[in-house]
């Protein structure tokens, strides 16, 4: 198809041929650029997905740690109440 278009524009003069050549050339460059952008976006998406998973894992660890701390805190509070009651300061 490109060859047919070029042959047609050859009859129209050198500027028409130059125009068509530049048009095809810019289209080809745009296709290449678009392909590179899509690859880059895909790589960034994969990287973000990986980081999101790492954050989820880290959040899980923090949640477990806070849960354990909360349990220990409750034990300490209960022990302090028992001591307070034994000393006679309880209500």
Protein backbone atom coordinates (compact mmCIF):
# COMPACT_ATOMS: atom_id res chain seq x y z
CA UNK A 1 0.00 0.00 0.00
CA UNK A 2 2.77 2.43 0.87
CA UNK A 3 4.37 1.77 -2.51
CA UNK A 4 1.10 2.50 -4.34
CA UNK A 5 0.71 5.77 -2.48
CA UNK A 6 4.29 6.76 -3.28
CA UNK A 7 3.79 5.92 -6.97
CA UNK A 8 0.67 8.06 -7.07
CA UNK A 9 2.39 11.02 -5.45
CA UNK A 10 5.39 10.67 -7.80
CA UNK A 11 3.07 11.97 -10.50
CA UNK A 12 2.24 14.97 -8.31
CA UNK A 13 5.79 16.23 -7.95
CA UNK A 14 8.79 15.98 -5.65
CA UNK A 15 7.20 17.89 -2.76
CA UNK A 16 4.28 15.46 -2.67
CA UNK A 17 6.73 12.54 -2.53
CA UNK A 18 8.69 14.26 0.23
CA UNK A 19 5.47 14.88 2.15
CA UNK A 20 4.40 11.25 1.90
CA UNK A 21 7.87 10.02 2.88
CA UNK A 22 7.92 12.30 5.94
CA UNK A 23 4.41 11.21 6.85
CA UNK A 24 5.29 7.50 6.76
CA UNK A 25 8.55 8.14 8.58
CA UNK A 26 6.85 10.04 11.39
CA UNK A 27 4.15 7.36 11.67
CA UNK A 28 6.82 4.68 12.03
CA UNK A 29 8.64 6.71 14.70
CA UNK A 30 5.37 7.25 16.56
CA UNK A 31 4.69 3.51 16.53
CA UNK A 32 8.14 2.82 17.98
CA UNK A 33 7.77 5.53 20.61
CA UNK A 34 4.33 4.25 21.58
CA UNK A 35 5.69 0.73 21.94
CA UNK A 36 8.50 1.98 24.19
CA UNK A 37 6.01 3.91 26.34
CA UNK A 38 3.78 0.88 26.70
CA UNK A 39 6.74 -1.24 27.78
CA UNK A 40 7.79 1.38 30.30
CA UNK A 41 4.27 1.67 31.71
CA UNK A 42 4.08 -2.11 31.99
CA UNK A 43 7.39 -2.23 33.86
CA UNK A 44 6.25 0.52 36.23
CA UNK A 45 2.96 -1.26 36.84
CA UNK A 46 4.81 -4.48 37.69
CA UNK A 47 7.16 -2.62 40.01
CA UNK A 48 4.26 -0.93 41.79
CA UNK A 49 2.49 -4.25 42.19
CA UNK A 50 5.60 -5.74 43.78
CA UNK A 51 5.97 -2.79 46.16
CA UNK A 52 2.29 -2.98 47.10
CA UNK A 53 2.75 -6.65 48.04
CA UNK A 54 5.80 -5.76 50.13
CA UNK A 55 3.77 -3.09 51.93
CA UNK A 56 1.01 -5.59 52.64
CA UNK A 57 3.49 -8.05 54.11
CA UNK A 58 5.06 -5.32 56.21
CA UNK A 59 1.65 -4.13 57.40
CA UNK A 60 0.80 -7.69 58.42
CA UNK A 61 3.99 -7.92 60.48
CA UNK A 62 3.22 -4.60 62.18
CA UNK A 63 -0.34 -5.68 62.88
CA UNK A 64 0.84 -8.92 64.45
CA UNK A 65 3.42 -7.06 66.53
CA UNK A 66 0.85 -4.56 67.77
CA UNK A 67 -1.55 -7.37 68.59
CA UNK A 68 1.11 -9.11 70.68
CA UNK A 69 1.95 -5.83 72.40
CA UNK A 70 -1.73 -5.29 73.16
CA UNK A 71 -1.98 -8.74 74.73
CA UNK A 72 1.09 -8.07 76.89
CA UNK A 73 -0.28 -4.67 77.85
CA UNK A 74 -3.54 -6.26 78.99
CA UNK A 75 -1.61 -8.79 81.10
CA UNK A 76 0.42 -6.00 82.74
CA UNK A 77 -2.73 -3.98 83.48
CA UNK A 78 -4.40 -7.03 85.03
CA UNK A 79 -1.33 -7.69 87.17
CA UNK A 80 -1.25 -4.06 88.32
CA UNK A 81 -4.93 -4.24 89.28
CA UNK A 82 -4.27 -7.41 91.26
CA UNK A 83 -1.37 -5.75 93.09
CA UNK A 84 -3.49 -2.67 93.77
CA UNK A 85 -6.31 -4.83 95.16
CA UNK A 86 -3.87 -6.79 97.35
CA UNK A 87 -2.41 -3.60 98.76
CA UNK A 88 -5.89 -2.40 99.54
CA UNK A 89 -6.21 0.43 97.11
CA UNK A 90 -8.92 -1.19 95.01
CA UNK A 91 -12.49 0.01 94.92
